[in-house]
Amino acid sequence: MILLSSIINEFKGRFFDRYKNYVLPSHKKALQAMVLCRQEHGLHMLAQCTDHNCGKQIYIPHSCGHRNCPHCQNHENQQWIDNQLSKRLPAQYYLITFTLPKQLRDLAWKMFRMS
């Protein structure tokens, strides 16, 4: 499995060189959080077995908790998807995609914003 942190570390130099005029401080902060997410060299929490005979302790790397981190948000995303799917009606669904003529786009956008 390829870790997101390895991808960020490999490409962030070229990314910042190419988009340095567009990268916001919040983008840099997000990338840095994702680099440290669940890494051995980052923060850890102590987990201990609750069985009195065991008493085993292990250190578990902390998650970054950033809202854009796929490691941290996967569980919440899946819960949201499951919740939305449970609201479906018992019927077949179809996705229809169409493009509005340029002359109607402004009107459609205004109607959408009013609702």
PDB file of N, CA and C in Angstrom:
ATOM      1  N   MET A   1       0.838  -1.177   0.000  1.00  0.00           N
ATOM      2  CA  MET A   1       0.000   0.000   0.000  1.00  0.00           C
ATOM      3  C   MET A   1       0.886   1.244   0.000  1.00  0.00           C
ATOM      4  N   ILE A   2       0.590   2.172  -0.873  1.00  0.00           N
ATOM      5  CA  ILE A   2       1.339   3.421  -0.945  1.00  0.00           C
ATOM      6  C   ILE A   2       0.733   4.406   0.047  1.00  0.00           C
ATOM      7  N   LEU A   3       1.566   4.957   0.895  1.00  0.00           N
ATOM      8  CA  LEU A   3       1.096   5.931   1.870  1.00  0.00           C
ATOM      9  C   LEU A   3       0.991   7.310   1.237  1.00  0.00           C
ATOM     10  N   LEU A   4      -0.024   8.040   1.646  1.00  0.00           N
ATOM     11  CA  LEU A   4      -0.209   9.406   1.164  1.00  0.00           C
ATOM     12  C   LEU A   4       1.001  10.260   1.500  1.00  0.00           C
ATOM     13  N   SER A   5       1.584  10.041   2.672  1.00  0.00           N
ATOM     14  CA  SER A   5       2.741  10.837   3.078  1.00  0.00           C
ATOM     15  C   SER A   5       3.921  10.652   2.119  1.00  0.00           C
ATOM     16  N   SER A   6       4.113   9.451   1.593  1.00  0.00           N
ATOM     17  CA  SER A   6       5.216   9.232   0.653  1.00  0.00           C
ATOM     18  C   SER A   6       4.969   9.962  -0.661  1.00  0.00           C
ATOM     19  N   ILE A   7       3.716  10.031  -1.086  1.00  0.00           N
ATOM     20  CA  ILE A   7       3.372  10.761  -2.316  1.00  0.00           C
ATOM     21  C   ILE A   7       3.608  12.256  -2.109  1.00  0.00           C
ATOM     22  N   ILE A   8       3.150  12.773  -0.970  1.00  0.00           N
ATOM     23  CA  ILE A   8       3.345  14.193  -0.677  1.00  0.00           C
ATOM     24  C   ILE A   8       4.835  14.512  -0.615  1.00  0.00           C
ATOM     25  N   ASN A   9       5.598  13.697   0.107  1.00  0.00           N
ATOM     26  CA  ASN A   9       7.041  13.950   0.228  1.00  0.00           C
ATOM     27  C   ASN A   9       7.746  13.907  -1.121  1.00  0.00           C
ATOM     28  N   GLU A  10       7.322  13.001  -1.988  1.00  0.00           N
ATOM     29  CA  GLU A  10       7.981  12.870  -3.287  1.00  0.00           C
ATOM     30  C   GLU A  10       7.685  14.049  -4.211  1.00  0.00           C
ATOM     31  N   PHE A  11       6.463  14.563  -4.178  1.00  0.00           N
ATOM     32  CA  PHE A  11       6.065  15.560  -5.164  1.00  0.00           C
ATOM     33  C   PHE A  11       5.901  16.980  -4.629  1.00  0.00           C
ATOM     34  N   LYS A  12       6.007  17.198  -3.324  1.00  0.00           N
ATOM     35  CA  LYS A  12       5.700  18.532  -2.805  1.00  0.00           C
ATOM     36  C   LYS A  12       6.669  19.593  -3.290  1.00  0.00           C
ATOM     37  N   GLY A  13       7.935  19.254  -3.477  1.00  0.00           N
ATOM     38  CA  GLY A  13       8.897  20.232  -3.982  1.00  0.00           C
ATOM     39  C   GLY A  13       8.516  20.753  -5.351  1.00  0.00           C
ATOM     40  N   ARG A  14       8.221  19.835  -6.253  1.00  0.00           N
ATOM     41  CA  ARG A  14       7.821  20.236  -7.611  1.00  0.00           C
ATOM     42  C   ARG A  14       6.473  20.945  -7.607  1.00  0.00           C
ATOM     43  N   PHE A  15       5.573  20.486  -6.738  1.00  0.00           N
ATOM     44  CA  PHE A  15       4.255  21.108  -6.637  1.00  0.00           C
ATOM     45  C   PHE A  15       4.392  22.563  -6.195  1.00  0.00           C
ATOM     46  N   PHE A  16       5.177  22.795  -5.128  1.00  0.00           N
ATOM     47  CA  PHE A  16       5.352  24.166  -4.639  1.00  0.00           C
ATOM     48  C   PHE A  16       6.107  25.028  -5.646  1.00  0.00           C
ATOM     49  N   ASP A  17       7.055  24.450  -6.362  1.00  0.00           N
ATOM     50  CA  ASP A  17       7.756  25.216  -7.392  1.00  0.00           C
ATOM     51  C   ASP A  17       6.802  25.673  -8.489  1.00  0.00           C
ATOM     52  N   ARG A  18       5.919  24.785  -8.881  1.00  0.00           N
ATOM     53  CA  ARG A  18       5.016  25.090  -9.990  1.00  0.00           C
ATOM     54  C   ARG A  18       3.855  26.006  -9.578  1.00  0.00           C
ATOM     55  N   TYR A  19       3.326  25.809  -8.368  1.00  0.00           N
ATOM     56  CA  TYR A  19       2.126  26.542  -7.949  1.00  0.00           C
ATOM     57  C   TYR A  19       2.382  27.480  -6.770  1.00  0.00           C
ATOM     58  N   LYS A  20       3.620  27.934  -6.608  1.00  0.00           N
ATOM     59  CA  LYS A  20       3.967  28.746  -5.434  1.00  0.00           C
ATOM     60  C   LYS A  20       3.128  30.016  -5.298  1.00  0.00           C
ATOM     61  N   ASN A  21       2.639  30.551  -6.384  1.00  0.00           N
ATOM     62  CA  ASN A  21       1.829  31.772  -6.318  1.00  0.00           C
ATOM     63  C   ASN A  21       0.371  31.494  -5.952  1.00  0.00           C
ATOM     64  N   TYR A  22      -0.006  30.236  -5.921  1.00  0.00           N
ATOM     65  CA  TYR A  22      -1.402  29.882  -5.679  1.00  0.00           C
ATOM     66  C   TYR A  22      -1.623  29.108  -4.380  1.00  0.00           C
ATOM     67  N   VAL A  23      -0.567  28.575  -3.802  1.00  0.00           N
ATOM     68  CA  VAL A  23      -0.704  27.747  -2.600  1.00  0.00           C
ATOM     69  C   VAL A  23      -0.916  28.638  -1.384  1.00  0.00           C
ATOM     70  N   LEU A  24      -2.007  28.399  -0.683  1.00  0.00           N
ATOM     71  CA  LEU A  24      -2.333  29.169   0.510  1.00  0.00           C
ATOM     72  C   LEU A  24      -1.654  28.554   1.735  1.00  0.00           C
ATOM     73  N   PRO A  25      -1.472  29.326   2.792  1.00  0.00           N
ATOM     74  CA  PRO A  25      -0.910  28.755   4.030  1.00  0.00           C
ATOM     75  C   PRO A  25      -1.733  27.568   4.542  1.00  0.00           C
ATOM     76  N   SER A  26      -3.044  27.616   4.354  1.00  0.00           N
ATOM     77  CA  SER A  26      -3.885  26.500   4.803  1.00  0.00           C
ATOM     78  C   SER A  26      -3.587  25.224   4.010  1.00  0.00           C
ATOM     79  N   HIS A  27      -3.205  25.365   2.740  1.00  0.00           N
ATOM     80  CA  HIS A  27      -2.833  24.194   1.933  1.00  0.00           C
ATOM     81  C   HIS A  27      -1.546  23.582   2.480  1.00  0.00           C
ATOM     82  N   LYS A  28      -0.581  24.433   2.794  1.00  0.00           N
ATOM     83  CA  LYS A  28       0.688  23.940   3.349  1.00  0.00           C
ATOM     84  C   LYS A  28       0.453  23.235   4.678  1.00  0.00           C
ATOM     85  N   LYS A  29      -0.409  23.822   5.500  1.00  0.00           N
ATOM     86  CA  LYS A  29      -0.715  23.233   6.804  1.00  0.00           C
ATOM     87  C   LYS A  29      -1.381  21.867   6.635  1.00  0.00           C
ATOM     88  N   ALA A  30      -2.291  21.759   5.687  1.00  0.00           N
ATOM     89  CA  ALA A  30      -2.972  20.481   5.433  1.00  0.00           C
ATOM     90  C   ALA A  30      -1.985  19.420   4.966  1.00  0.00           C
ATOM     91  N   LEU A  31      -1.115  19.788   4.038  1.00  0.00           N
ATOM     92  CA  LEU A  31      -0.132  18.823   3.544  1.00  0.00           C
ATOM     93  C   LEU A  31       0.805  18.374   4.656  1.00  0.00           C
ATOM     94  N   GLN A  32       1.234  19.299   5.501  1.00  0.00           N
ATOM     95  CA  GLN A  32       2.131  18.948   6.607  1.00  0.00           C
ATOM     96  C   GLN A  32       1.425  18.013   7.589  1.00  0.00           C
ATOM     97  N   ALA A  33       0.159  18.274   7.869  1.00  0.00           N
ATOM     98  CA  ALA A  33      -0.596  17.399   8.767  1.00  0.00           C
ATOM     99  C   ALA A  33      -0.688  15.993   8.182  1.00  0.00           C
ATOM    100  N   MET A  34      -0.949  15.896   6.882  1.00  0.00           N
ATOM    101  CA  MET A  34      -1.084  14.585   6.242  1.00  0.00           C
ATOM    102  C   MET A  34       0.241  13.844   6.167  1.00  0.00           C
ATOM    103  N   VAL A  35       1.341  14.577   6.078  1.00  0.00           N
ATOM    104  CA  VAL A  35       2.662  13.933   6.072  1.00  0.00           C
ATOM    105  C   VAL A  35       2.919  13.254   7.410  1.00  0.00           C
ATOM    106  N   LEU A  36       2.488  13.889   8.501  1.00  0.00           N
ATOM    107  CA  LEU A  36       2.734  13.346   9.835  1.00  0.00           C
ATOM    108  C   LEU A  36       1.675  12.355  10.299  1.00  0.00           C
ATOM    109  N   CYS A  37       0.600  12.221   9.555  1.00  0.00           N
ATOM    110  CA  CYS A  37      -0.518  11.373   9.965  1.00  0.00           C
ATOM    111  C   CYS A  37      -0.081   9.917  10.128  1.00  0.00           C
ATOM    112  N   ARG A  38      -0.281   9.407  11.314  1.00  0.00           N
ATOM    113  CA  ARG A  38      -0.020   8.000  11.662  1.00  0.00           C
ATOM    114  C   ARG A  38       1.404   7.546  11.343  1.00  0.00           C
ATOM    115  N   GLN A  39       2.341   8.455  11.480  1.00  0.00           N
ATOM    116  CA  GLN A  39       3.734   8.114  11.211  1.00  0.00           C
ATOM    117  C   GLN A  39       4.459   7.753  12.506  1.00  0.00           C
ATOM    118  N   GLU A  40       5.409   6.881  12.410  1.00  0.00           N
ATOM    119  CA  GLU A  40       6.162   6.436  13.578  1.00  0.00           C
ATOM    120  C   GLU A  40       6.901   7.584  14.259  1.00  0.00           C
ATOM    121  N   HIS A  41       7.336   8.583  13.480  1.00  0.00           N
ATOM    122  CA  HIS A  41       8.101   9.687  14.052  1.00  0.00           C
ATOM    123  C   HIS A  41       7.209  10.805  14.598  1.00  0.00           C
ATOM    124  N   GLY A  42       5.896  10.652  14.490  1.00  0.00           N
ATOM    125  CA  GLY A  42       4.970  11.671  14.994  1.00  0.00           C
ATOM    126  C   GLY A  42       4.550  11.379  16.421  1.00  0.00           C
ATOM    127  N   LEU A  43       3.490  12.054  16.853  1.00  0.00           N
ATOM    128  CA  LEU A  43       2.951  11.851  18.189  1.00  0.00           C
ATOM    129  C   LEU A  43       2.319  10.471  18.304  1.00  0.00           C
ATOM    130  N   HIS A  44       2.342   9.925  19.533  1.00  0.00           N
ATOM    131  CA  HIS A  44       1.770   8.611  19.796  1.00  0.00           C
ATOM    132  C   HIS A  44       0.854   8.675  21.015  1.00  0.00           C
ATOM    133  N   MET A  45      -0.065   7.729  21.075  1.00  0.00           N
ATOM    134  CA  MET A  45      -0.865   7.569  22.281  1.00  0.00           C
ATOM    135  C   MET A  45      -0.610   6.169  22.826  1.00  0.00           C
ATOM    136  N   LEU A  46      -0.735   6.046  24.133  1.00  0.00           N
ATOM    137  CA  LEU A  46      -0.495   4.773  24.788  1.00  0.00           C
ATOM    138  C   LEU A  46      -1.808   4.014  24.903  1.00  0.00           C
ATOM    139  N   ALA A  47      -1.835   2.798  24.397  1.00  0.00           N
ATOM    140  CA  ALA A  47      -3.003   1.929  24.521  1.00  0.00           C
ATOM    141  C   ALA A  47      -2.625   0.765  25.415  1.00  0.00           C
ATOM    142  N   GLN A  48      -3.531   0.420  26.316  1.00  0.00           N
ATOM    143  CA  GLN A  48      -3.243  -0.641  27.271  1.00  0.00           C
ATOM    144  C   GLN A  48      -4.392  -1.631  27.304  1.00  0.00           C
ATOM    145  N   CYS A  49      -4.069  -2.886  27.375  1.00  0.00           N
ATOM    146  CA  CYS A  49      -5.064  -3.949  27.458  1.00  0.00           C
ATOM    147  C   CYS A  49      -5.815  -3.825  28.783  1.00  0.00           C
ATOM    148  N   THR A  50      -7.132  -3.952  28.731  1.00  0.00           N
ATOM    149  CA  THR A  50      -7.937  -3.810  29.950  1.00  0.00           C
ATOM    150  C   THR A  50      -8.000  -5.093  30.768  1.00  0.00           C
ATOM    151  N   ASP A  51      -7.541  -6.191  30.211  1.00  0.00           N
ATOM    152  CA  ASP A  51      -7.496  -7.455  30.953  1.00  0.00           C
ATOM    153  C   ASP A  51      -6.375  -7.365  31.990  1.00  0.00           C
ATOM    154  N   HIS A  52      -6.700  -7.582  33.255  1.00  0.00           N
ATOM    155  CA  HIS A  52      -5.712  -7.424  34.337  1.00  0.00           C
ATOM    156  C   HIS A  52      -4.551  -8.418  34.214  1.00  0.00           C
ATOM    157  N   ASN A  53      -4.798  -9.568  33.609  1.00  0.00           N
ATOM    158  CA  ASN A  53      -3.735 -10.562  33.456  1.00  0.00           C
ATOM    159  C   ASN A  53      -2.770 -10.199  32.332  1.00  0.00           C
ATOM    160  N   CYS A  54      -3.245  -9.427  31.371  1.00  0.00           N
ATOM    161  CA  CYS A  54      -2.428  -9.092  30.205  1.00  0.00           C
ATOM    162  C   CYS A  54      -1.556  -7.877  30.485  1.00  0.00           C
ATOM    163  N   GLY A  55      -2.186  -6.708  30.623  1.00  0.00           N
ATOM    164  CA  GLY A  55      -1.455  -5.472  30.909  1.00  0.00           C
ATOM    165  C   GLY A  55      -0.547  -5.006  29.784  1.00  0.00           C
ATOM    166  N   LYS A  56      -0.704  -5.587  28.600  1.00  0.00           N
ATOM    167  CA  LYS A  56       0.157  -5.202  27.478  1.00  0.00           C
ATOM    168  C   LYS A  56      -0.086  -3.748  27.099  1.00  0.00           C
ATOM    169  N   GLN A  57       0.978  -3.040  26.800  1.00  0.00           N
ATOM    170  CA  GLN A  57       0.901  -1.646  26.384  1.00  0.00           C
ATOM    171  C   GLN A  57       1.573  -1.490  25.022  1.00  0.00           C
ATOM    172  N   ILE A  58       0.930  -0.708  24.149  1.00  0.00           N
ATOM    173  CA  ILE A  58       1.539  -0.395  22.860  1.00  0.00           C
ATOM    174  C   ILE A  58       1.325   1.087  22.574  1.00  0.00           C
ATOM    175  N   TYR A  59       2.219   1.637  21.787  1.00  0.00           N
ATOM    176  CA  TYR A  59       2.092   3.019  21.360  1.00  0.00           C
ATOM    177  C   TYR A  59       1.528   3.033  19.942  1.00  0.00           C
ATOM    178  N   ILE A  60       0.488   3.824  19.746  1.00  0.00           N
ATOM    179  CA  ILE A  60      -0.186   3.905  18.461  1.00  0.00           C
ATOM    180  C   ILE A  60       0.022   5.309  17.903  1.00  0.00           C
ATOM    181  N   PRO A  61       0.481   5.433  16.652  1.00  0.00           N
ATOM    182  CA  PRO A  61       0.666   6.764  16.069  1.00  0.00           C
ATOM    183  C   PRO A  61      -0.651   7.526  15.985  1.00  0.00           C
ATOM    184  N   HIS A  62      -0.596   8.805  16.301  1.00  0.00           N
ATOM    185  CA  HIS A  62      -1.777   9.673  16.228  1.00  0.00           C
ATOM    186  C   HIS A  62      -2.168   9.942  14.782  1.00  0.00           C
ATOM    187  N   SER A  63      -3.456  10.103  14.582  1.00  0.00           N
ATOM    188  CA  SER A  63      -3.975  10.579  13.305  1.00  0.00           C
ATOM    189  C   SER A  63      -3.922  12.094  13.320  1.00  0.00           C
ATOM    190  N   CYS A  64      -3.849  12.691  12.143  1.00  0.00           N
ATOM    191  CA  CYS A  64      -3.797  14.154  12.076  1.00  0.00           C
ATOM    192  C   CYS A  64      -5.166  14.774  12.288  1.00  0.00           C
ATOM    193  N   GLY A  65      -6.237  14.056  11.913  1.00  0.00           N
ATOM    194  CA  GLY A  65      -7.588  14.556  12.093  1.00  0.00           C
ATOM    195  C   GLY A  65      -7.991  15.646  11.114  1.00  0.00           C
ATOM    196  N   HIS A  66      -7.150  15.930  10.127  1.00  0.00           N
ATOM    197  CA  HIS A  66      -7.466  16.991   9.170  1.00  0.00           C
ATOM    198  C   HIS A  66      -8.653  16.575   8.315  1.00  0.00           C
ATOM    199  N   ARG A  67      -9.531  17.532   8.033  1.00  0.00           N
ATOM    200  CA  ARG A  67     -10.761  17.210   7.309  1.00  0.00           C
ATOM    201  C   ARG A  67     -10.528  16.720   5.889  1.00  0.00           C
ATOM    202  N   ASN A  68      -9.355  16.972   5.319  1.00  0.00           N
ATOM    203  CA  ASN A  68      -9.066  16.517   3.960  1.00  0.00           C
ATOM    204  C   ASN A  68      -8.204  15.259   3.921  1.00  0.00           C
ATOM    205  N   CYS A  69      -7.855  14.733   5.071  1.00  0.00           N
ATOM    206  CA  CYS A  69      -6.977  13.556   5.122  1.00  0.00           C
ATOM    207  C   CYS A  69      -7.790  12.286   4.867  1.00  0.00           C
ATOM    208  N   PRO A  70      -7.448  11.530   3.837  1.00  0.00           N
ATOM    209  CA  PRO A  70      -8.212  10.317   3.548  1.00  0.00           C
ATOM    210  C   PRO A  70      -8.062   9.246   4.627  1.00  0.00           C
ATOM    211  N   HIS A  71      -6.914   9.231   5.340  1.00  0.00           N
ATOM    212  CA  HIS A  71      -6.738   8.261   6.425  1.00  0.00           C
ATOM    213  C   HIS A  71      -7.719   8.544   7.560  1.00  0.00           C
ATOM    214  N   CYS A  72      -7.878   9.815   7.888  1.00  0.00           N
ATOM    215  CA  CYS A  72      -8.679  10.194   9.057  1.00  0.00           C
ATOM    216  C   CYS A  72     -10.159  10.292   8.764  1.00  0.00           C
ATOM    217  N   GLN A  73     -10.515  10.649   7.572  1.00  0.00           N
ATOM    218  CA  GLN A  73     -11.913  10.931   7.279  1.00  0.00           C
ATOM    219  C   GLN A  73     -12.642   9.793   6.586  1.00  0.00           C
ATOM    220  N   ASN A  74     -11.963   8.715   6.285  1.00  0.00           N
ATOM    221  CA  ASN A  74     -12.598   7.614   5.573  1.00  0.00           C
ATOM    222  C   ASN A  74     -13.800   7.067   6.336  1.00  0.00           C
ATOM    223  N   HIS A  75     -13.649   6.868   7.645  1.00  0.00           N
ATOM    224  CA  HIS A  75     -14.736   6.316   8.453  1.00  0.00           C
ATOM    225  C   HIS A  75     -15.951   7.241   8.444  1.00  0.00           C
ATOM    226  N   GLU A  76     -15.713   8.539   8.657  1.00  0.00           N
ATOM    227  CA  GLU A  76     -16.813   9.509   8.663  1.00  0.00           C
ATOM    228  C   GLU A  76     -17.472   9.599   7.292  1.00  0.00           C
ATOM    229  N   ASN A  77     -16.656   9.550   6.233  1.00  0.00           N
ATOM    230  CA  ASN A  77     -17.209   9.582   4.880  1.00  0.00           C
ATOM    231  C   ASN A  77     -18.117   8.388   4.631  1.00  0.00           C
ATOM    232  N   GLN A  78     -17.668   7.225   5.052  1.00  0.00           N
ATOM    233  CA  GLN A  78     -18.462   6.017   4.839  1.00  0.00           C
ATOM    234  C   GLN A  78     -19.758   6.070   5.634  1.00  0.00           C
ATOM    235  N   GLN A  79     -19.701   6.605   6.857  1.00  0.00           N
ATOM    236  CA  GLN A  79     -20.922   6.757   7.648  1.00  0.00           C
ATOM    237  C   GLN A  79     -21.909   7.685   6.949  1.00  0.00           C
ATOM    238  N   TRP A  80     -21.416   8.788   6.398  1.00  0.00           N
ATOM    239  CA  TRP A  80     -22.282   9.733   5.697  1.00  0.00           C
ATOM    240  C   TRP A  80     -22.916   9.069   4.471  1.00  0.00           C
ATOM    241  N   ILE A  81     -22.113   8.335   3.708  1.00  0.00           N
ATOM    242  CA  ILE A  81     -22.626   7.654   2.513  1.00  0.00           C
ATOM    243  C   ILE A  81     -23.696   6.640   2.907  1.00  0.00           C
ATOM    244  N   ASP A  82     -23.422   5.846   3.943  1.00  0.00           N
ATOM    245  CA  ASP A  82     -24.396   4.856   4.390  1.00  0.00           C
ATOM    246  C   ASP A  82     -25.692   5.525   4.835  1.00  0.00           C
ATOM    247  N   ASN A  83     -25.574   6.644   5.525  1.00  0.00           N
ATOM    248  CA  ASN A  83     -26.753   7.387   5.972  1.00  0.00           C
ATOM    249  C   ASN A  83     -27.568   7.886   4.780  1.00  0.00           C
ATOM    250  N   GLN A  84     -26.887   8.419   3.771  1.00  0.00           N
ATOM    251  CA  GLN A  84     -27.583   8.913   2.586  1.00  0.00           C
ATOM    252  C   GLN A  84     -28.245   7.773   1.820  1.00  0.00           C
ATOM    253  N   LEU A  85     -27.555   6.645   1.712  1.00  0.00           N
ATOM    254  CA  LEU A  85     -28.117   5.505   0.992  1.00  0.00           C
ATOM    255  C   LEU A  85     -29.349   4.943   1.695  1.00  0.00           C
ATOM    256  N   SER A  86     -29.383   5.057   3.010  1.00  0.00           N
ATOM    257  CA  SER A  86     -30.550   4.543   3.747  1.00  0.00           C
ATOM    258  C   SER A  86     -31.794   5.387   3.501  1.00  0.00           C
ATOM    259  N   LYS A  87     -31.640   6.573   2.957  1.00  0.00           N
ATOM    260  CA  LYS A  87     -32.769   7.468   2.685  1.00  0.00           C
ATOM    261  C   LYS A  87     -33.388   7.231   1.303  1.00  0.00           C
ATOM    262  N   ARG A  88     -32.787   6.356   0.538  1.00  0.00           N
ATOM    263  CA  ARG A  88     -33.298   6.118  -0.813  1.00  0.00           C
ATOM    264  C   ARG A  88     -34.682   5.497  -0.789  1.00  0.00           C
ATOM    265  N   LEU A  89     -35.455   5.831  -1.786  1.00  0.00           N
ATOM    266  CA  LEU A  89     -36.746   5.197  -1.983  1.00  0.00           C
ATOM    267  C   LEU A  89     -36.542   3.858  -2.681  1.00  0.00           C
ATOM    268  N   PRO A  90     -37.445   2.918  -2.474  1.00  0.00           N
ATOM    269  CA  PRO A  90     -37.301   1.612  -3.131  1.00  0.00           C
ATOM    270  C   PRO A  90     -37.696   1.710  -4.604  1.00  0.00           C
ATOM    271  N   ALA A  91     -36.844   2.318  -5.387  1.00  0.00           N
ATOM    272  CA  ALA A  91     -37.106   2.507  -6.818  1.00  0.00           C
ATOM    273  C   ALA A  91     -35.782   2.501  -7.555  1.00  0.00           C
ATOM    274  N   GLN A  92     -35.854   2.340  -8.871  1.00  0.00           N
ATOM    275  CA  GLN A  92     -34.638   2.411  -9.673  1.00  0.00           C
ATOM    276  C   GLN A  92     -34.253   3.872  -9.857  1.00  0.00           C
ATOM    277  N   TYR A  93     -32.967   4.131  -9.808  1.00  0.00           N
ATOM    278  CA  TYR A  93     -32.462   5.486  -9.973  1.00  0.00           C
ATOM    279  C   TYR A  93     -31.661   5.571 -11.265  1.00  0.00           C
ATOM    280  N   TYR A  94     -31.722   6.740 -11.891  1.00  0.00           N
ATOM    281  CA  TYR A  94     -30.963   6.997 -13.106  1.00  0.00           C
ATOM    282  C   TYR A  94     -30.294   8.351 -12.967  1.00  0.00           C
ATOM    283  N   LEU A  95     -29.123   8.465 -13.525  1.00  0.00           N
ATOM    284  CA  LEU A  95     -28.409   9.738 -13.553  1.00  0.00           C
ATOM    285  C   LEU A  95     -28.474  10.281 -14.967  1.00  0.00           C
ATOM    286  N   ILE A  96     -28.983  11.481 -15.082  1.00  0.00           N
ATOM    287  CA  ILE A  96     -29.080  12.130 -16.387  1.00  0.00           C
ATOM    288  C   ILE A  96     -28.223  13.384 -16.331  1.00  0.00           C
ATOM    289  N   THR A  97     -27.312  13.504 -17.256  1.00  0.00           N
ATOM    290  CA  THR A  97     -26.439  14.661 -17.332  1.00  0.00           C
ATOM    291  C   THR A  97     -26.718  15.395 -18.633  1.00  0.00           C
ATOM    292  N   PHE A  98     -26.826  16.704 -18.531  1.00  0.00           N
ATOM    293  CA  PHE A  98     -27.047  17.494 -19.739  1.00  0.00           C
ATOM    294  C   PHE A  98     -26.349  18.834 -19.577  1.00  0.00           C
ATOM    295  N   THR A  99     -26.138  19.498 -20.681  1.00  0.00           N
ATOM    296  CA  THR A  99     -25.498  20.808 -20.688  1.00  0.00           C
ATOM    297  C   THR A  99     -26.508  21.843 -21.135  1.00  0.00           C
ATOM    298  N   LEU A 100     -26.611  22.889 -20.338  1.00  0.00           N
ATOM    299  CA  LEU A 100     -27.508  23.978 -20.715  1.00  0.00           C
ATOM    300  C   LEU A 100     -26.840  24.863 -21.757  1.00  0.00           C
ATOM    301  N   PRO A 101     -27.619  25.407 -22.665  1.00  0.00           N
ATOM    302  CA  PRO A 101     -27.045  26.389 -23.586  1.00  0.00           C
ATOM    303  C   PRO A 101     -26.513  27.582 -22.798  1.00  0.00           C
ATOM    304  N   LYS A 102     -25.491  28.205 -23.310  1.00  0.00           N
ATOM    305  CA  LYS A 102     -24.836  29.315 -22.625  1.00  0.00           C
ATOM    306  C   LYS A 102     -25.831  30.410 -22.229  1.00  0.00           C
ATOM    307  N   GLN A 103     -26.818  30.649 -23.055  1.00  0.00           N
ATOM    308  CA  GLN A 103     -27.784  31.713 -22.813  1.00  0.00           C
ATOM    309  C   GLN A 103     -28.655  31.436 -21.573  1.00  0.00           C
ATOM    310  N   LEU A 104     -28.807  30.169 -21.165  1.00  0.00           N
ATOM    311  CA  LEU A 104     -29.658  29.812 -20.036  1.00  0.00           C
ATOM    312  C   LEU A 104     -28.896  29.602 -18.729  1.00  0.00           C
ATOM    313  N   ARG A 105     -27.584  29.550 -18.788  1.00  0.00           N
ATOM    314  CA  ARG A 105     -26.799  29.217 -17.601  1.00  0.00           C
ATOM    315  C   ARG A 105     -26.951  30.249 -16.491  1.00  0.00           C
ATOM    316  N   ASP A 106     -26.942  31.522 -16.837  1.00  0.00           N
ATOM    317  CA  ASP A 106     -27.067  32.557 -15.819  1.00  0.00           C
ATOM    318  C   ASP A 106     -28.429  32.470 -15.140  1.00  0.00           C
ATOM    319  N   LEU A 107     -29.472  32.276 -15.904  1.00  0.00           N
ATOM    320  CA  LEU A 107     -30.824  32.147 -15.353  1.00  0.00           C
ATOM    321  C   LEU A 107     -30.919  30.919 -14.450  1.00  0.00           C
ATOM    322  N   ALA A 108     -30.389  29.805 -14.897  1.00  0.00           N
ATOM    323  CA  ALA A 108     -30.437  28.571 -14.115  1.00  0.00           C
ATOM    324  C   ALA A 108     -29.668  28.739 -12.810  1.00  0.00           C
ATOM    325  N   TRP A 109     -28.520  29.391 -12.863  1.00  0.00           N
ATOM    326  CA  TRP A 109     -27.727  29.613 -11.661  1.00  0.00           C
ATOM    327  C   TRP A 109     -28.489  30.488 -10.669  1.00  0.00           C
ATOM    328  N   LYS A 110     -29.147  31.520 -11.152  1.00  0.00           N
ATOM    329  CA  LYS A 110     -29.939  32.393 -10.272  1.00  0.00           C
ATOM    330  C   LYS A 110     -31.110  31.633  -9.653  1.00  0.00           C
ATOM    331  N   MET A 111     -31.759  30.789 -10.414  1.00  0.00           N
ATOM    332  CA  MET A 111     -32.870  29.984  -9.897  1.00  0.00           C
ATOM    333  C   MET A 111     -32.376  29.002  -8.842  1.00  0.00           C
ATOM    334  N   PHE A 112     -31.222  28.413  -9.084  1.00  0.00           N
ATOM    335  CA  PHE A 112     -30.639  27.457  -8.150  1.00  0.00           C
ATOM    336  C   PHE A 112     -30.317  28.151  -6.829  1.00  0.00           C
ATOM    337  N   ARG A 113     -29.758  29.337  -6.884  1.00  0.00           N
ATOM    338  CA  ARG A 113     -29.364  30.056  -5.677  1.00  0.00           C
ATOM    339  C   ARG A 113     -30.573  30.521  -4.885  1.00  0.00           C
ATOM    340  N   MET A 114     -31.717  30.712  -5.537  1.00  0.00           N
ATOM    341  CA  MET A 114     -32.927  31.159  -4.849  1.00  0.00           C
ATOM    342  C   MET A 114     -33.556  30.019  -4.025  1.00  0.00           C
ATOM    343  N   SER A 115     -33.312  28.795  -4.438  1.00  0.00           N
ATOM    344  CA  SER A 115     -33.964  27.677  -3.743  1.00  0.00           C
ATOM    345  C   SER A 115     -33.257  27.297  -2.475  1.00  0.00           C
TER     346      SER A 115
END
